[in-house]
């Protein structure tokens, strides 16, 4: 999708936030009527939730949103809950998938995946990738230890779209999948 050019609101201002943790500038691509208010536009990776910490649910169904939590992490948490329901793999007080997964350092034949928000019950993380209609391939030969929050996938094909997911494993070998990241290697 083309980047919004801001012609309808302020042609001298870029569409995106000043912060640029992963790309410069953070871009906004919904230019439909009613969505061209450039002064309102910020990227989820540039925004934190600044309200009061809150939680919903009870034992085994607890979802907690904390002051200062990154908005992209909140979105991933809620997307997993919508997809899988609240409980195993999505509840903060059970073993759950890692949150705030994203790709960085994207190269011709490498992609580095980073994450945080691991469950305290996680004993290891596996990184999987696939392209096209192929099945997932395990990228790491042994599970990544808790507290290690990145993994570099190597020997990929240039200019190819990959789908990447993280799988957290607990002591009982139960697994929980993260959101799926869609990333293109460079040419």
N, C-alpha and C. Protein backbone atom coordinates (compact mmCIF):
# COMPACT_ATOMS: atom_id res chain seq x y z
N UNK A 1 0.84 -1.17 0.00
CA UNK A 1 0.00 0.00 0.00
C UNK A 1 0.89 1.24 0.00
N UNK A 2 0.52 2.23 -0.74
CA UNK A 2 1.32 3.45 -0.83
C UNK A 2 1.28 4.23 0.48
N UNK A 3 2.35 4.92 0.76
CA UNK A 3 2.38 5.75 1.96
C UNK A 3 1.51 6.98 1.76
N UNK A 4 0.84 7.38 2.83
CA UNK A 4 0.01 8.58 2.78
C UNK A 4 0.89 9.79 2.51
N UNK A 5 0.43 10.67 1.63
CA UNK A 5 1.26 11.83 1.30
C UNK A 5 0.84 13.10 2.04
N UNK A 6 -0.22 13.02 2.84
CA UNK A 6 -0.65 14.14 3.68
C UNK A 6 -1.15 15.34 2.91
N UNK A 7 -1.42 15.24 1.63
CA UNK A 7 -1.87 16.40 0.86
C UNK A 7 -3.17 16.99 1.38
N UNK A 8 -4.02 16.16 1.98
CA UNK A 8 -5.32 16.65 2.43
C UNK A 8 -5.23 17.42 3.74
N UNK A 9 -4.16 17.23 4.51
CA UNK A 9 -4.14 17.87 5.82
C UNK A 9 -3.01 18.87 5.97
N UNK A 10 -1.82 18.52 5.61
CA UNK A 10 -0.70 19.44 5.74
C UNK A 10 0.44 18.93 4.87
N UNK A 11 0.59 19.43 3.65
CA UNK A 11 1.59 18.90 2.72
C UNK A 11 3.03 19.08 3.18
N UNK A 12 3.27 19.90 4.20
CA UNK A 12 4.65 20.10 4.65
C UNK A 12 5.04 19.13 5.77
N UNK A 13 4.10 18.35 6.25
CA UNK A 13 4.37 17.41 7.34
C UNK A 13 4.42 15.99 6.84
N UNK A 14 5.33 15.20 7.36
CA UNK A 14 5.37 13.79 6.95
C UNK A 14 4.31 13.01 7.70
N UNK A 15 3.90 11.89 7.11
CA UNK A 15 2.97 11.00 7.80
C UNK A 15 3.80 10.02 8.62
N UNK A 16 3.81 10.19 9.88
CA UNK A 16 4.55 9.28 10.73
C UNK A 16 5.09 9.98 11.94
N UNK A 17 5.53 9.21 12.88
CA UNK A 17 6.02 9.79 14.12
C UNK A 17 7.50 10.11 14.01
N UNK A 18 7.98 10.91 14.91
CA UNK A 18 9.39 11.30 14.87
C UNK A 18 10.30 10.17 15.32
N UNK A 19 9.80 9.32 16.17
CA UNK A 19 10.60 8.20 16.65
C UNK A 19 10.80 7.22 15.50
N UNK A 20 11.97 6.63 15.40
CA UNK A 20 12.21 5.70 14.30
C UNK A 20 13.04 4.51 14.77
N UNK A 21 12.47 3.65 15.66
CA UNK A 21 13.22 2.54 16.17
C UNK A 21 13.56 1.49 15.12
N UNK A 22 12.68 1.29 14.15
CA UNK A 22 12.91 0.23 13.16
C UNK A 22 13.03 0.75 11.74
N UNK A 23 12.40 1.86 11.43
CA UNK A 23 12.49 2.41 10.10
C UNK A 23 12.26 3.92 10.18
N UNK A 24 12.74 4.62 9.20
CA UNK A 24 12.63 6.08 9.19
C UNK A 24 11.88 6.51 7.95
N UNK A 25 10.83 7.29 8.01
CA UNK A 25 10.08 7.48 9.25
C UNK A 25 9.13 6.32 9.45
N UNK A 26 8.53 6.22 10.63
CA UNK A 26 7.42 5.29 10.80
C UNK A 26 6.36 5.75 9.81
N UNK A 27 5.79 4.87 9.02
CA UNK A 27 4.89 5.30 7.96
C UNK A 27 3.45 4.94 8.25
N UNK A 28 2.56 5.66 7.62
CA UNK A 28 1.12 5.48 7.75
C UNK A 28 0.58 5.29 6.36
N UNK A 29 -0.24 4.29 6.16
CA UNK A 29 -0.63 3.97 4.78
C UNK A 29 -2.13 4.01 4.53
N UNK A 30 -2.96 4.31 5.51
CA UNK A 30 -4.40 4.39 5.27
C UNK A 30 -4.75 5.83 4.91
N UNK A 31 -4.90 6.09 3.62
CA UNK A 31 -5.19 7.45 3.14
C UNK A 31 -6.66 7.63 2.80
N UNK A 32 -7.53 6.73 3.28
CA UNK A 32 -8.95 6.84 2.97
C UNK A 32 -9.56 8.07 3.65
N UNK A 33 -10.73 8.49 3.17
CA UNK A 33 -11.41 9.66 3.71
C UNK A 33 -11.62 9.46 5.21
N UNK A 34 -11.29 10.47 5.98
CA UNK A 34 -11.43 10.40 7.43
C UNK A 34 -10.19 9.88 8.12
N UNK A 35 -9.22 9.39 7.36
CA UNK A 35 -8.03 8.81 7.96
C UNK A 35 -6.77 9.61 7.65
N UNK A 36 -6.94 10.83 7.13
CA UNK A 36 -5.78 11.58 6.68
C UNK A 36 -5.34 12.65 7.67
N UNK A 37 -5.69 12.52 8.94
CA UNK A 37 -5.33 13.51 9.95
C UNK A 37 -3.90 13.27 10.40
N UNK A 38 -2.94 13.88 9.74
CA UNK A 38 -1.53 13.61 9.99
C UNK A 38 -1.10 13.93 11.42
N UNK A 39 -1.70 14.95 12.02
CA UNK A 39 -1.27 15.30 13.38
C UNK A 39 -1.63 14.22 14.39
N UNK A 40 -2.56 13.33 14.04
CA UNK A 40 -2.98 12.26 14.95
C UNK A 40 -2.16 10.99 14.77
N UNK A 41 -1.34 10.91 13.74
CA UNK A 41 -0.74 9.64 13.34
C UNK A 41 0.52 9.34 14.12
N UNK A 42 0.54 8.16 14.69
CA UNK A 42 1.73 7.64 15.36
C UNK A 42 1.77 6.14 15.11
N UNK A 43 2.93 5.56 15.18
CA UNK A 43 3.07 4.13 14.97
C UNK A 43 2.99 3.41 16.30
N UNK A 44 2.47 2.19 16.28
CA UNK A 44 2.36 1.42 17.52
C UNK A 44 3.73 1.21 18.16
N UNK A 45 4.78 1.11 17.35
CA UNK A 45 6.11 0.90 17.92
C UNK A 45 6.68 2.18 18.53
N UNK A 46 5.96 3.28 18.38
CA UNK A 46 6.41 4.56 18.94
C UNK A 46 5.55 4.97 20.12
N UNK A 47 4.58 4.16 20.53
CA UNK A 47 3.58 4.59 21.50
C UNK A 47 3.53 3.62 22.67
N UNK A 48 3.35 4.16 23.86
CA UNK A 48 3.13 3.37 25.06
C UNK A 48 1.75 3.67 25.61
N UNK A 49 1.16 2.69 26.29
CA UNK A 49 -0.09 2.92 26.99
C UNK A 49 0.24 3.71 28.26
N UNK A 50 -0.38 4.88 28.42
CA UNK A 50 -0.05 5.77 29.53
C UNK A 50 -1.14 5.83 30.59
N UNK A 51 -2.19 5.06 30.42
CA UNK A 51 -3.26 5.06 31.42
C UNK A 51 -2.88 4.24 32.64
N UNK A 52 -3.83 4.11 33.53
CA UNK A 52 -3.65 3.33 34.75
C UNK A 52 -3.58 1.84 34.41
N UNK A 53 -2.68 1.11 35.05
CA UNK A 53 -2.63 -0.34 34.88
C UNK A 53 -3.99 -0.93 35.20
N UNK A 54 -4.45 -1.88 34.37
CA UNK A 54 -5.72 -2.53 34.65
C UNK A 54 -5.64 -3.99 34.26
N UNK A 55 -6.58 -4.76 34.76
CA UNK A 55 -6.65 -6.18 34.40
C UNK A 55 -8.11 -6.60 34.30
N UNK A 56 -8.33 -7.67 33.55
CA UNK A 56 -9.65 -8.27 33.45
C UNK A 56 -9.48 -9.77 33.59
N UNK A 57 -10.53 -10.44 33.98
CA UNK A 57 -10.49 -11.89 34.13
C UNK A 57 -10.17 -12.30 35.54
N UNK A 58 -9.95 -13.58 35.73
CA UNK A 58 -9.64 -14.15 37.03
C UNK A 58 -8.55 -15.18 36.87
N UNK A 59 -8.49 -16.11 37.79
CA UNK A 59 -7.46 -17.15 37.76
C UNK A 59 -7.56 -17.94 36.45
N UNK A 60 -6.45 -18.02 35.72
CA UNK A 60 -6.40 -18.75 34.46
C UNK A 60 -6.97 -17.99 33.28
N UNK A 61 -7.47 -16.76 33.52
CA UNK A 61 -8.02 -15.95 32.43
C UNK A 61 -7.60 -14.49 32.58
N UNK A 62 -6.52 -14.26 33.27
CA UNK A 62 -6.11 -12.90 33.60
C UNK A 62 -5.37 -12.23 32.45
N UNK A 63 -5.86 -11.08 32.02
CA UNK A 63 -5.19 -10.24 31.03
C UNK A 63 -4.89 -8.93 31.73
N UNK A 64 -3.61 -8.55 31.75
CA UNK A 64 -3.20 -7.33 32.45
C UNK A 64 -2.50 -6.40 31.46
N UNK A 65 -2.95 -5.14 31.43
CA UNK A 65 -2.33 -4.10 30.61
C UNK A 65 -1.70 -3.12 31.58
N UNK A 66 -0.39 -2.92 31.46
CA UNK A 66 0.34 -2.10 32.42
C UNK A 66 0.72 -0.74 31.87
N UNK A 67 0.75 0.25 32.76
CA UNK A 67 1.22 1.57 32.39
C UNK A 67 2.62 1.44 31.80
N UNK A 68 2.85 2.07 30.65
CA UNK A 68 4.15 2.01 30.00
C UNK A 68 4.31 0.85 29.04
N UNK A 69 3.34 -0.06 28.97
CA UNK A 69 3.44 -1.19 28.04
C UNK A 69 3.33 -0.67 26.61
N UNK A 70 4.16 -1.21 25.73
CA UNK A 70 4.14 -0.79 24.32
C UNK A 70 2.81 -1.16 23.69
N UNK A 71 2.28 -0.26 22.86
CA UNK A 71 1.00 -0.50 22.21
C UNK A 71 1.07 -1.71 21.29
N UNK A 72 2.19 -1.92 20.59
CA UNK A 72 2.27 -3.10 19.71
C UNK A 72 2.20 -4.39 20.52
N UNK A 73 2.73 -4.39 21.74
CA UNK A 73 2.62 -5.55 22.62
C UNK A 73 1.17 -5.77 23.04
N UNK A 74 0.47 -4.70 23.38
CA UNK A 74 -0.94 -4.78 23.76
C UNK A 74 -1.76 -5.33 22.60
N UNK A 75 -1.49 -4.85 21.38
CA UNK A 75 -2.22 -5.32 20.20
C UNK A 75 -1.98 -6.80 19.98
N UNK A 76 -0.73 -7.26 20.09
CA UNK A 76 -0.44 -8.68 19.91
C UNK A 76 -1.13 -9.51 20.98
N UNK A 77 -1.11 -9.04 22.23
CA UNK A 77 -1.76 -9.75 23.33
C UNK A 77 -3.26 -9.91 23.04
N UNK A 78 -3.91 -8.82 22.63
CA UNK A 78 -5.34 -8.87 22.34
C UNK A 78 -5.64 -9.69 21.09
N UNK A 79 -4.77 -9.64 20.08
CA UNK A 79 -4.98 -10.45 18.88
C UNK A 79 -4.91 -11.95 19.21
N UNK A 80 -3.96 -12.33 20.04
CA UNK A 80 -3.87 -13.73 20.46
C UNK A 80 -5.11 -14.15 21.23
N UNK A 81 -5.61 -13.24 22.10
CA UNK A 81 -6.80 -13.54 22.87
C UNK A 81 -8.01 -13.70 21.94
N UNK A 82 -8.15 -12.83 20.94
CA UNK A 82 -9.26 -12.94 20.00
C UNK A 82 -9.19 -14.23 19.19
N UNK A 83 -7.97 -14.61 18.82
CA UNK A 83 -7.78 -15.81 18.01
C UNK A 83 -7.96 -17.10 18.80
N UNK A 84 -7.45 -17.12 20.03
CA UNK A 84 -7.40 -18.37 20.80
C UNK A 84 -8.31 -18.39 22.02
N UNK A 85 -8.95 -17.27 22.33
CA UNK A 85 -9.73 -17.20 23.56
C UNK A 85 -8.82 -16.86 24.72
N UNK A 86 -9.42 -16.65 25.88
CA UNK A 86 -8.65 -16.34 27.08
C UNK A 86 -8.43 -17.62 27.85
N UNK A 87 -7.20 -17.88 28.22
CA UNK A 87 -6.88 -19.08 28.98
C UNK A 87 -5.48 -19.54 28.63
N UNK A 88 -5.34 -20.84 28.41
CA UNK A 88 -4.04 -21.41 28.09
C UNK A 88 -3.46 -20.67 26.89
N UNK A 89 -2.23 -20.26 26.97
CA UNK A 89 -1.45 -19.58 25.94
C UNK A 89 -1.74 -18.08 25.81
N UNK A 90 -2.78 -17.56 26.49
CA UNK A 90 -3.05 -16.13 26.40
C UNK A 90 -3.20 -15.46 27.76
N UNK A 91 -3.36 -16.22 28.82
CA UNK A 91 -3.56 -15.62 30.13
C UNK A 91 -2.23 -15.29 30.79
N UNK A 92 -2.12 -14.09 31.35
CA UNK A 92 -0.87 -13.66 31.99
C UNK A 92 -0.47 -14.53 33.17
N UNK A 93 -1.42 -15.21 33.80
CA UNK A 93 -1.08 -16.04 34.96
C UNK A 93 -0.95 -17.52 34.62
N UNK A 94 -0.85 -17.83 33.32
CA UNK A 94 -0.56 -19.18 32.84
C UNK A 94 0.62 -19.09 31.87
N UNK A 95 1.11 -20.23 31.43
CA UNK A 95 2.12 -20.23 30.37
C UNK A 95 1.49 -19.60 29.14
N UNK A 96 2.14 -18.58 28.55
CA UNK A 96 1.58 -17.91 27.39
C UNK A 96 2.66 -17.66 26.35
N UNK A 97 2.20 -17.30 25.16
CA UNK A 97 3.11 -16.97 24.06
C UNK A 97 3.86 -15.68 24.37
N UNK A 98 5.06 -15.50 23.82
CA UNK A 98 5.75 -14.22 24.00
C UNK A 98 5.01 -13.10 23.28
N UNK A 99 5.07 -11.91 23.85
CA UNK A 99 4.44 -10.74 23.25
C UNK A 99 5.51 -9.84 22.66
N UNK A 100 5.07 -8.86 21.90
CA UNK A 100 5.96 -7.86 21.34
C UNK A 100 7.02 -8.48 20.44
N UNK A 101 6.60 -9.43 19.61
CA UNK A 101 7.50 -10.06 18.64
C UNK A 101 7.57 -9.18 17.40
N UNK A 102 8.77 -8.93 16.91
CA UNK A 102 8.91 -8.20 15.66
C UNK A 102 10.25 -8.51 15.01
N UNK A 103 10.36 -8.15 13.74
CA UNK A 103 11.59 -8.40 12.97
C UNK A 103 12.41 -7.13 12.90
N UNK A 104 13.71 -7.29 12.96
CA UNK A 104 14.63 -6.18 12.85
C UNK A 104 15.86 -6.68 12.10
N UNK A 105 16.74 -5.80 11.72
CA UNK A 105 17.97 -6.19 11.00
C UNK A 105 17.64 -7.15 9.86
N UNK A 106 16.76 -6.70 8.98
CA UNK A 106 16.35 -7.51 7.83
C UNK A 106 17.39 -7.32 6.74
N UNK A 107 17.96 -8.42 6.26
CA UNK A 107 19.00 -8.36 5.25
C UNK A 107 18.61 -9.13 4.00
N UNK A 108 19.60 -9.38 3.16
CA UNK A 108 19.37 -10.12 1.92
C UNK A 108 19.01 -11.57 2.22
N UNK A 109 19.72 -12.17 3.18
CA UNK A 109 19.47 -13.58 3.49
C UNK A 109 19.35 -13.84 5.00
N UNK A 110 19.06 -12.79 5.78
CA UNK A 110 18.91 -12.93 7.22
C UNK A 110 17.76 -12.06 7.74
N UNK A 111 17.14 -12.53 8.80
CA UNK A 111 16.13 -11.76 9.53
C UNK A 111 16.37 -12.02 11.01
N UNK A 112 16.49 -10.97 11.79
CA UNK A 112 16.59 -11.12 13.24
C UNK A 112 15.20 -10.88 13.84
N UNK A 113 14.78 -11.81 14.68
CA UNK A 113 13.49 -11.71 15.36
C UNK A 113 13.78 -11.37 16.82
N UNK A 114 13.05 -10.40 17.36
CA UNK A 114 13.18 -10.04 18.77
C UNK A 114 11.81 -10.12 19.43
N UNK A 115 11.80 -10.27 20.75
CA UNK A 115 10.55 -10.39 21.48
C UNK A 115 10.80 -10.07 22.94
N UNK A 116 9.73 -9.93 23.69
CA UNK A 116 9.79 -9.90 25.15
C UNK A 116 8.45 -10.41 25.65
N UNK A 117 8.10 -10.15 26.86
CA UNK A 117 6.81 -10.61 27.38
C UNK A 117 6.72 -12.11 27.52
N UNK A 118 7.86 -12.75 27.79
CA UNK A 118 7.82 -14.20 28.03
C UNK A 118 7.07 -14.51 29.32
N UNK A 119 6.43 -15.65 29.34
CA UNK A 119 5.80 -16.14 30.56
C UNK A 119 6.88 -16.57 31.55
N UNK A 120 6.62 -16.42 32.82
CA UNK A 120 7.57 -16.90 33.84
C UNK A 120 7.67 -18.42 33.81
N UNK A 121 6.74 -19.09 33.16
CA UNK A 121 6.76 -20.56 33.06
C UNK A 121 7.47 -21.06 31.81
N UNK A 122 7.91 -20.15 30.94
CA UNK A 122 8.59 -20.55 29.72
C UNK A 122 9.97 -21.13 30.04
N UNK A 123 10.25 -22.29 29.47
CA UNK A 123 11.57 -22.92 29.63
C UNK A 123 12.42 -22.79 28.38
N UNK A 124 11.81 -22.39 27.26
CA UNK A 124 12.56 -22.21 26.02
C UNK A 124 11.68 -21.65 24.92
N UNK A 125 12.33 -21.07 23.92
CA UNK A 125 11.64 -20.50 22.76
C UNK A 125 12.17 -21.16 21.50
N UNK A 126 11.29 -21.53 20.60
CA UNK A 126 11.66 -22.01 19.28
C UNK A 126 11.21 -20.98 18.24
N UNK A 127 12.01 -20.80 17.20
CA UNK A 127 11.70 -19.87 16.13
C UNK A 127 11.45 -20.69 14.86
N UNK A 128 10.31 -20.46 14.25
CA UNK A 128 9.94 -21.17 13.03
C UNK A 128 9.75 -20.17 11.89
N UNK A 129 10.02 -20.61 10.66
CA UNK A 129 9.76 -19.77 9.50
C UNK A 129 9.27 -20.64 8.35
N UNK A 130 8.57 -19.99 7.42
CA UNK A 130 8.12 -20.67 6.20
C UNK A 130 7.99 -19.63 5.11
N UNK A 131 7.95 -20.07 3.87
CA UNK A 131 7.67 -19.19 2.74
C UNK A 131 6.72 -19.92 1.81
N UNK A 132 5.87 -19.14 1.14
CA UNK A 132 4.90 -19.73 0.23
C UNK A 132 4.01 -20.73 0.95
N UNK A 133 3.75 -21.84 0.30
CA UNK A 133 2.88 -22.86 0.87
C UNK A 133 3.65 -23.94 1.63
N UNK A 134 4.95 -23.74 1.79
CA UNK A 134 5.75 -24.73 2.50
C UNK A 134 5.35 -24.78 3.97
N UNK A 135 5.70 -25.84 4.64
CA UNK A 135 5.44 -25.95 6.07
C UNK A 135 6.51 -25.21 6.86
N UNK A 136 6.25 -25.03 8.14
CA UNK A 136 7.21 -24.34 9.00
C UNK A 136 8.49 -25.15 9.18
N UNK A 137 9.62 -24.43 9.23
CA UNK A 137 10.94 -25.01 9.46
C UNK A 137 11.46 -24.46 10.79
N UNK A 138 11.98 -25.33 11.64
CA UNK A 138 12.57 -24.89 12.90
C UNK A 138 13.92 -24.23 12.61
N UNK A 139 14.09 -22.98 13.03
CA UNK A 139 15.32 -22.23 12.72
C UNK A 139 16.43 -22.50 13.72
N UNK A 140 16.10 -22.69 14.98
CA UNK A 140 17.12 -22.86 16.02
C UNK A 140 17.28 -24.34 16.36
N UNK A 141 18.53 -24.82 16.45
CA UNK A 141 18.76 -26.25 16.70
C UNK A 141 18.38 -26.68 18.12
N UNK A 142 18.46 -25.79 19.08
CA UNK A 142 18.05 -26.08 20.46
C UNK A 142 17.20 -24.91 20.95
N UNK A 143 16.27 -25.16 21.89
CA UNK A 143 15.44 -24.07 22.38
C UNK A 143 16.28 -22.91 22.94
N UNK A 144 15.82 -21.71 22.69
CA UNK A 144 16.48 -20.50 23.18
C UNK A 144 16.11 -20.32 24.64
N UNK A 145 17.10 -20.08 25.47
CA UNK A 145 16.90 -19.99 26.92
C UNK A 145 16.02 -18.78 27.29
N UNK A 146 15.25 -18.91 28.37
CA UNK A 146 14.49 -17.75 28.86
C UNK A 146 15.44 -16.59 29.13
N UNK A 147 14.98 -15.38 28.86
CA UNK A 147 15.81 -14.20 29.07
C UNK A 147 16.66 -13.82 27.88
N UNK A 148 16.72 -14.68 26.86
CA UNK A 148 17.38 -14.33 25.60
C UNK A 148 16.26 -13.92 24.66
N UNK A 149 16.32 -12.69 24.15
CA UNK A 149 15.17 -12.13 23.46
C UNK A 149 15.41 -11.83 21.98
N UNK A 150 16.32 -12.56 21.34
CA UNK A 150 16.50 -12.37 19.90
C UNK A 150 17.09 -13.63 19.28
N UNK A 151 16.85 -13.77 17.99
CA UNK A 151 17.43 -14.88 17.24
C UNK A 151 17.56 -14.45 15.78
N UNK A 152 18.73 -14.72 15.20
CA UNK A 152 19.00 -14.37 13.81
C UNK A 152 18.78 -15.60 12.93
N UNK A 153 17.81 -15.52 12.02
CA UNK A 153 17.56 -16.59 11.05
C UNK A 153 18.47 -16.32 9.85
N UNK A 154 19.23 -17.33 9.46
CA UNK A 154 20.21 -17.16 8.38
C UNK A 154 19.91 -18.09 7.21
N UNK A 155 20.66 -17.89 6.13
CA UNK A 155 20.59 -18.70 4.91
C UNK A 155 19.21 -18.66 4.26
N UNK A 156 18.58 -17.48 4.29
CA UNK A 156 17.29 -17.30 3.64
C UNK A 156 17.49 -16.89 2.18
N UNK A 157 16.43 -16.90 1.40
CA UNK A 157 16.48 -16.52 0.00
C UNK A 157 16.22 -15.01 -0.13
N UNK A 158 17.03 -14.32 -0.93
CA UNK A 158 16.79 -12.88 -1.12
C UNK A 158 15.41 -12.60 -1.72
N UNK A 159 14.87 -11.43 -1.40
CA UNK A 159 13.62 -10.93 -1.94
C UNK A 159 12.50 -11.98 -1.87
N UNK A 160 12.31 -12.52 -0.66
CA UNK A 160 11.31 -13.55 -0.44
C UNK A 160 10.49 -13.18 0.80
N UNK A 161 9.18 -13.41 0.74
CA UNK A 161 8.32 -13.16 1.89
C UNK A 161 8.32 -14.39 2.79
N UNK A 162 8.63 -14.16 4.06
CA UNK A 162 8.65 -15.23 5.06
C UNK A 162 7.60 -14.96 6.13
N UNK A 163 7.01 -16.03 6.63
CA UNK A 163 6.14 -15.98 7.79
C UNK A 163 6.92 -16.59 8.94
N UNK A 164 6.99 -15.86 10.05
CA UNK A 164 7.81 -16.28 11.19
C UNK A 164 6.94 -16.31 12.43
N UNK A 165 7.11 -17.33 13.25
CA UNK A 165 6.41 -17.38 14.53
C UNK A 165 7.35 -17.90 15.61
N UNK A 166 7.05 -17.53 16.82
CA UNK A 166 7.78 -18.01 17.99
C UNK A 166 6.90 -19.02 18.72
N UNK A 167 7.53 -20.02 19.28
CA UNK A 167 6.81 -21.01 20.06
C UNK A 167 7.46 -21.08 21.43
N UNK A 168 6.70 -20.79 22.48
CA UNK A 168 7.24 -20.93 23.83
C UNK A 168 6.88 -22.32 24.34
N UNK A 169 7.81 -22.89 25.11
CA UNK A 169 7.65 -24.23 25.66
C UNK A 169 7.76 -24.13 27.17
N UNK A 170 6.90 -24.88 27.89
CA UNK A 170 7.02 -24.89 29.35
C UNK A 170 7.60 -26.22 29.82
N UNK A 171 7.74 -26.39 31.12
CA UNK A 171 8.38 -27.59 31.69
C UNK A 171 7.62 -28.87 31.35
N UNK A 172 6.33 -28.76 31.11
CA UNK A 172 5.54 -29.93 30.75
C UNK A 172 5.46 -30.17 29.25
N UNK A 173 6.28 -29.46 28.47
CA UNK A 173 6.35 -29.55 27.01
C UNK A 173 5.12 -28.98 26.32
N UNK A 174 4.29 -28.23 27.04
CA UNK A 174 3.16 -27.53 26.41
C UNK A 174 3.73 -26.37 25.60
N UNK A 175 3.13 -26.09 24.45
CA UNK A 175 3.63 -25.02 23.59
C UNK A 175 2.56 -23.97 23.35
N UNK A 176 3.01 -22.74 23.12
CA UNK A 176 2.13 -21.63 22.77
C UNK A 176 2.78 -20.83 21.64
N UNK A 177 2.02 -20.55 20.59
CA UNK A 177 2.53 -19.82 19.43
C UNK A 177 2.25 -18.33 19.55
N UNK A 178 3.22 -17.53 19.11
CA UNK A 178 3.07 -16.08 19.04
C UNK A 178 2.24 -15.71 17.81
N UNK A 179 2.05 -14.42 17.60
CA UNK A 179 1.49 -13.97 16.33
C UNK A 179 2.48 -14.35 15.23
N UNK A 180 2.01 -14.39 13.99
CA UNK A 180 2.89 -14.69 12.86
C UNK A 180 3.35 -13.37 12.23
N UNK A 181 4.64 -13.22 12.10
CA UNK A 181 5.22 -12.03 11.48
C UNK A 181 5.39 -12.29 10.00
N UNK A 182 5.11 -11.31 9.17
CA UNK A 182 5.30 -11.45 7.72
C UNK A 182 6.38 -10.47 7.33
N UNK A 183 7.51 -11.00 6.83
CA UNK A 183 8.71 -10.20 6.60
C UNK A 183 9.31 -10.55 5.23
N UNK A 184 9.75 -9.54 4.49
CA UNK A 184 10.42 -9.76 3.20
C UNK A 184 11.92 -9.53 3.34
N UNK A 185 12.71 -10.49 2.87
CA UNK A 185 14.15 -10.27 2.80
C UNK A 185 14.44 -9.26 1.69
N UNK A 186 15.59 -8.65 1.73
CA UNK A 186 15.96 -7.61 0.76
C UNK A 186 16.54 -8.23 -0.51
N UNK A 187 16.64 -7.41 -1.52
CA UNK A 187 17.23 -7.85 -2.79
C UNK A 187 18.70 -7.53 -2.80
